[in-house]
Amino acid sequence: MITQNLFLKALNNNKAVRPQDMELLTAWFSLPGRAASAEQVIALTGAKRASMIVNNLGKRIAGFLEVDAGSGASVVAVDGKNGAGEAVWVMREELSQALVAQGSVTSEDVQAEVAVEPVKTEEPVKVEVKVAPVVSEPEVVVEVADSPLAEALVEFDVQSIRKAYPSTPASQRLLKSAMVNALVANRPVNTRAYQRMIPAELRKSVSSQEAKMFLNKVLAILKTH
């Protein structure tokens, strides 16, 4: 079995764990029970075959550490079931501990993992009904309308987020105009920077489901602009 320290060594090597692999791992860590289904891996990576993504990641880590890869996926995960009885990959505890030790995830991510209900189709009413809309939202669009980055974020919202969560109230959308303005102004490129640079009131007003599924992809857009 690969230890936490060995996983940490692999996480710090760009050939063993590429930037896109790290985006998958941080999003995977924040899923309830750190259990990712094939559908969720595909949604997070855009790949056609989830098993290939997880297997190749395990093989890259095993190859870098010079250990037996086994099935590939078994290096980074164990097989499991979610609440709906679907097959999932459950992140190995040693890998999750290495992510925390490296600083790629924070204590807030761990707390959120327990609080979020795993049922994909559930309306996020229990958490979000208490949150008041951000007052400054209507006045933001003019400031960022001509920004290429803002246009890229709006396009991603329309093409990906709204298709996945069409019923999210406008005031609770991840890429509502207030959030787009804040992201363009501050340019956070990872979750730690996002939590530090974006006001807590604005972050808390966002749908937890949208944030869990798409925040890392949004940060990747910021990183490429």
Protein backbone atom coordinates (compact mmCIF):
# COMPACT_ATOMS: atom_id res chain seq x y z
CA MET A 1 0.00 0.00 0.00
CA ILE A 2 1.28 3.49 -0.88
CA THR A 3 1.72 5.65 2.20
CA GLN A 4 0.64 9.26 2.71
CA ASN A 5 4.24 10.45 2.30
CA LEU A 6 4.65 8.60 -1.00
CA PHE A 7 1.39 10.05 -2.30
CA LEU A 8 2.59 13.49 -1.21
CA LYS A 9 5.80 12.96 -3.18
CA ALA A 10 3.76 12.07 -6.29
CA LEU A 11 1.41 15.05 -5.85
CA ASN A 12 4.41 17.37 -5.95
CA ASN A 13 5.62 15.97 -9.28
CA ASN A 14 3.95 17.34 -12.42
CA LYS A 15 4.68 14.20 -14.43
CA ALA A 16 3.10 11.87 -11.90
CA VAL A 17 0.11 14.14 -11.18
CA ARG A 18 -0.58 16.64 -13.95
CA PRO A 19 -2.48 19.92 -13.36
CA GLN A 20 -5.67 18.40 -14.80
CA ASP A 21 -5.21 15.39 -12.51
CA MET A 22 -4.96 17.73 -9.52
CA GLU A 23 -8.21 19.44 -10.55
CA LEU A 24 -9.91 16.04 -10.61
CA LEU A 25 -8.44 15.04 -7.23
CA THR A 26 -9.46 18.25 -5.45
CA ALA A 27 -13.01 18.02 -6.85
CA TRP A 28 -13.13 14.31 -6.03
CA PHE A 29 -12.00 15.01 -2.44
CA SER A 30 -14.93 17.37 -1.92
CA LEU A 31 -17.55 14.84 -3.05
CA PRO A 32 -19.60 13.21 -0.27
CA GLY A 33 -17.64 10.33 1.18
CA ARG A 34 -14.88 11.14 -1.34
CA ALA A 35 -16.76 8.73 -3.62
CA ALA A 36 -16.80 9.53 -7.36
CA SER A 37 -19.10 7.80 -9.83
CA ALA A 38 -18.24 7.34 -13.49
CA GLU A 39 -20.75 10.07 -14.36
CA GLN A 40 -19.10 12.51 -11.98
CA VAL A 41 -15.59 11.77 -13.30
CA ILE A 42 -16.82 12.36 -16.84
CA ALA A 43 -18.48 15.63 -15.80
CA LEU A 44 -15.31 16.80 -14.04
CA THR A 45 -12.86 15.86 -16.79
CA GLY A 46 -14.87 15.91 -20.02
CA ALA A 47 -13.50 12.43 -20.83
CA LYS A 48 -15.55 9.76 -22.59
CA ARG A 49 -14.35 6.90 -20.38
CA ALA A 50 -14.10 7.52 -16.66
CA SER A 51 -12.33 4.22 -15.95
CA MET A 52 -9.50 5.15 -18.31
CA ILE A 53 -8.97 8.48 -16.49
CA VAL A 54 -8.80 6.86 -13.03
CA ASN A 55 -6.71 3.89 -14.21
CA ASN A 56 -4.17 6.09 -16.01
CA LEU A 57 -3.84 8.39 -13.00
CA GLY A 58 -3.11 5.40 -10.77
CA LYS A 59 -0.58 4.02 -13.24
CA ARG A 60 1.26 7.36 -13.52
CA ILE A 61 1.55 7.60 -9.74
CA ALA A 62 2.65 3.96 -9.43
CA GLY A 63 5.18 4.37 -12.24
CA PHE A 64 6.68 7.46 -10.63
CA LEU A 65 6.93 5.72 -7.25
CA GLU A 66 8.10 2.47 -8.87
CA VAL A 67 5.46 0.31 -7.22
CA ASP A 68 3.09 -2.29 -8.61
CA ALA A 69 0.17 -0.53 -10.32
CA GLY A 70 -2.23 -3.44 -10.07
CA SER A 71 -5.42 -2.39 -11.86
CA GLY A 72 -4.30 1.24 -11.90
CA ALA A 73 -7.46 2.52 -10.27
CA SER A 74 -6.70 0.46 -7.15
CA VAL A 75 -3.65 2.67 -6.53
CA VAL A 76 -5.79 5.73 -5.83
CA ALA A 77 -9.18 4.28 -4.91
CA VAL A 78 -11.19 1.35 -3.62
CA ASP A 79 -14.46 0.14 -5.09
CA GLY A 80 -17.64 1.14 -3.33
CA LYS A 81 -21.30 2.09 -3.62
CA ASN A 82 -23.04 5.43 -3.06
CA GLY A 83 -26.41 6.05 -1.43
CA ALA A 84 -28.22 5.23 -4.67
CA GLY A 85 -26.41 1.89 -4.98
CA GLU A 86 -24.27 3.06 -7.90
CA ALA A 87 -20.67 1.87 -8.29
CA VAL A 88 -18.14 4.51 -7.24
CA TRP A 89 -14.41 4.95 -6.68
CA VAL A 90 -13.70 5.87 -3.06
CA MET A 91 -10.46 7.84 -2.69
CA ARG A 92 -7.87 6.04 -0.58
CA GLU A 93 -7.43 7.60 2.85
CA GLU A 94 -3.67 7.92 2.36
CA LEU A 95 -4.23 9.97 -0.81
CA SER A 96 -6.83 12.22 0.84
CA GLN A 97 -4.45 12.83 3.76
CA ALA A 98 -1.69 13.74 1.30
CA LEU A 99 -3.96 16.28 -0.41
CA VAL A 100 -4.65 17.91 2.95
CA ALA A 101 -0.96 17.86 3.90
CA GLN A 102 -0.02 19.42 0.56
CA GLY A 103 -2.56 22.22 1.01
CA SER A 104 -4.53 21.45 -2.17
CA VAL A 105 -7.67 21.12 -0.02
CA THR A 106 -8.63 22.88 3.20
CA SER A 107 -10.58 22.15 6.34
CA GLU A 108 -13.57 23.90 4.74
CA ASP A 109 -13.54 21.26 1.98
CA VAL A 110 -13.63 18.50 4.60
CA GLN A 111 -16.55 20.09 6.44
CA ALA A 112 -18.45 20.64 3.22
CA GLU A 113 -18.05 16.98 2.33
CA VAL A 114 -20.15 15.95 5.33
CA ALA A 115 -22.77 18.64 4.98
CA VAL A 116 -23.73 18.17 1.33
CA GLU A 117 -26.40 15.62 0.48
CA PRO A 118 -25.19 13.12 -2.17
CA VAL A 119 -28.45 12.88 -4.15
CA LYS A 120 -27.77 14.62 -7.45
CA THR A 121 -31.39 15.50 -8.25
CA GLU A 122 -32.20 17.01 -4.86
CA GLU A 123 -33.09 20.69 -4.87
CA PRO A 124 -30.59 22.60 -2.68
CA VAL A 125 -33.38 24.17 -0.64
CA LYS A 126 -32.30 23.25 2.89
CA VAL A 127 -29.01 25.08 2.66
CA GLU A 128 -29.78 27.88 0.27
CA VAL A 129 -33.25 29.03 1.25
CA LYS A 130 -31.69 30.90 4.17
CA VAL A 131 -29.30 32.89 1.98
CA ALA A 132 -30.31 36.36 0.86
CA PRO A 133 -29.41 37.40 -2.72
CA VAL A 134 -26.27 39.48 -3.08
CA VAL A 135 -27.39 43.10 -3.28
CA SER A 136 -24.59 44.21 -5.58
CA GLU A 137 -25.35 41.64 -8.30
CA PRO A 138 -27.35 43.82 -10.78
CA GLU A 139 -24.66 46.52 -11.04
CA VAL A 140 -21.74 44.25 -11.91
CA VAL A 141 -22.41 43.32 -15.54
CA VAL A 142 -21.42 46.71 -16.99
CA GLU A 143 -17.95 46.50 -15.44
CA VAL A 144 -17.05 43.13 -16.94
CA ALA A 145 -19.14 42.97 -20.12
CA ASP A 146 -16.17 43.69 -22.43
CA SER A 147 -13.73 41.35 -20.68
CA PRO A 148 -12.71 38.22 -22.68
CA LEU A 149 -12.38 36.35 -19.39
CA ALA A 150 -15.88 37.36 -18.33
CA GLU A 151 -17.22 36.25 -21.70
CA ALA A 152 -15.50 32.87 -21.29
CA LEU A 153 -17.03 32.44 -17.83
CA VAL A 154 -20.51 33.38 -19.04
CA GLU A 155 -20.21 30.97 -21.97
CA PHE A 156 -19.15 28.16 -19.61
CA ASP A 157 -22.12 28.95 -17.37
CA VAL A 158 -24.56 28.74 -20.29
CA GLN A 159 -23.03 25.70 -21.99
CA SER A 160 -22.22 23.58 -18.95
CA ILE A 161 -23.50 24.71 -15.53
CA ARG A 162 -27.03 25.72 -16.52
CA LYS A 163 -27.50 22.52 -18.50
CA ALA A 164 -26.50 20.46 -15.46
CA TYR A 165 -28.53 22.55 -12.96
CA PRO A 166 -31.29 24.39 -14.86
CA SER A 167 -33.42 25.06 -11.75
CA THR A 168 -30.83 26.88 -9.62
CA PRO A 169 -32.22 30.34 -8.64
CA ALA A 170 -30.39 33.21 -10.38
CA SER A 171 -29.18 34.66 -7.06
CA GLN A 172 -27.55 31.34 -6.13
CA ARG A 173 -25.77 30.53 -9.41
CA LEU A 174 -22.02 29.94 -9.25
CA LEU A 175 -21.39 32.31 -12.17
CA LYS A 176 -23.95 35.00 -11.45
CA SER A 177 -22.76 38.49 -12.43
CA ALA A 178 -21.50 39.39 -8.93
CA MET A 179 -19.30 36.29 -8.85
CA VAL A 180 -18.05 36.81 -12.42
CA ASN A 181 -17.03 40.34 -11.47
CA ALA A 182 -15.21 39.14 -8.34
CA LEU A 183 -13.43 36.34 -10.22
CA VAL A 184 -12.29 38.65 -13.01
CA ALA A 185 -11.09 41.26 -10.52
CA ASN A 186 -9.18 38.84 -8.25
CA ARG A 187 -8.21 35.94 -10.58
CA PRO A 188 -8.00 33.08 -7.99
CA VAL A 189 -6.47 29.98 -9.62
CA ASN A 190 -7.03 27.41 -6.86
CA THR A 191 -9.49 26.75 -4.05
CA ARG A 192 -7.28 28.30 -1.37
CA ALA A 193 -6.99 31.55 -3.34
CA TYR A 194 -10.73 31.46 -4.04
CA GLN A 195 -11.52 31.21 -0.33
CA ARG A 196 -9.04 33.96 0.49
CA MET A 197 -9.89 36.44 -2.30
CA ILE A 198 -13.64 36.06 -2.77
CA PRO A 199 -15.81 37.54 0.03
CA ALA A 200 -17.37 34.92 2.31
CA GLU A 201 -20.85 36.41 1.86
CA LEU A 202 -20.61 35.94 -1.90
CA ARG A 203 -19.20 32.39 -1.63
CA LYS A 204 -21.90 31.33 0.81
CA SER A 205 -24.67 32.62 -1.46
CA VAL A 206 -23.66 30.16 -4.20
CA SER A 207 -25.39 26.81 -4.75
CA SER A 208 -23.28 24.15 -3.04
CA GLN A 209 -24.13 21.66 -5.80
CA GLU A 210 -22.89 23.95 -8.57
CA ALA A 211 -19.75 24.82 -6.61
CA LYS A 212 -18.92 21.17 -5.89
CA MET A 213 -19.31 20.11 -9.52
CA PHE A 214 -17.91 23.11 -11.38
CA LEU A 215 -15.73 25.39 -9.19
CA ASN A 216 -12.47 23.69 -10.17
CA LYS A 217 -13.33 23.97 -13.87
CA VAL A 218 -14.07 27.68 -13.38
CA LEU A 219 -10.70 28.15 -11.65
CA ALA A 220 -9.06 26.35 -14.57
CA ILE A 221 -10.58 28.91 -16.96
CA LEU A 222 -9.10 31.70 -14.82
CA LYS A 223 -5.73 29.98 -14.90
CA THR A 224 -5.67 29.80 -18.72
CA HIS A 225 -6.55 33.48 -19.26
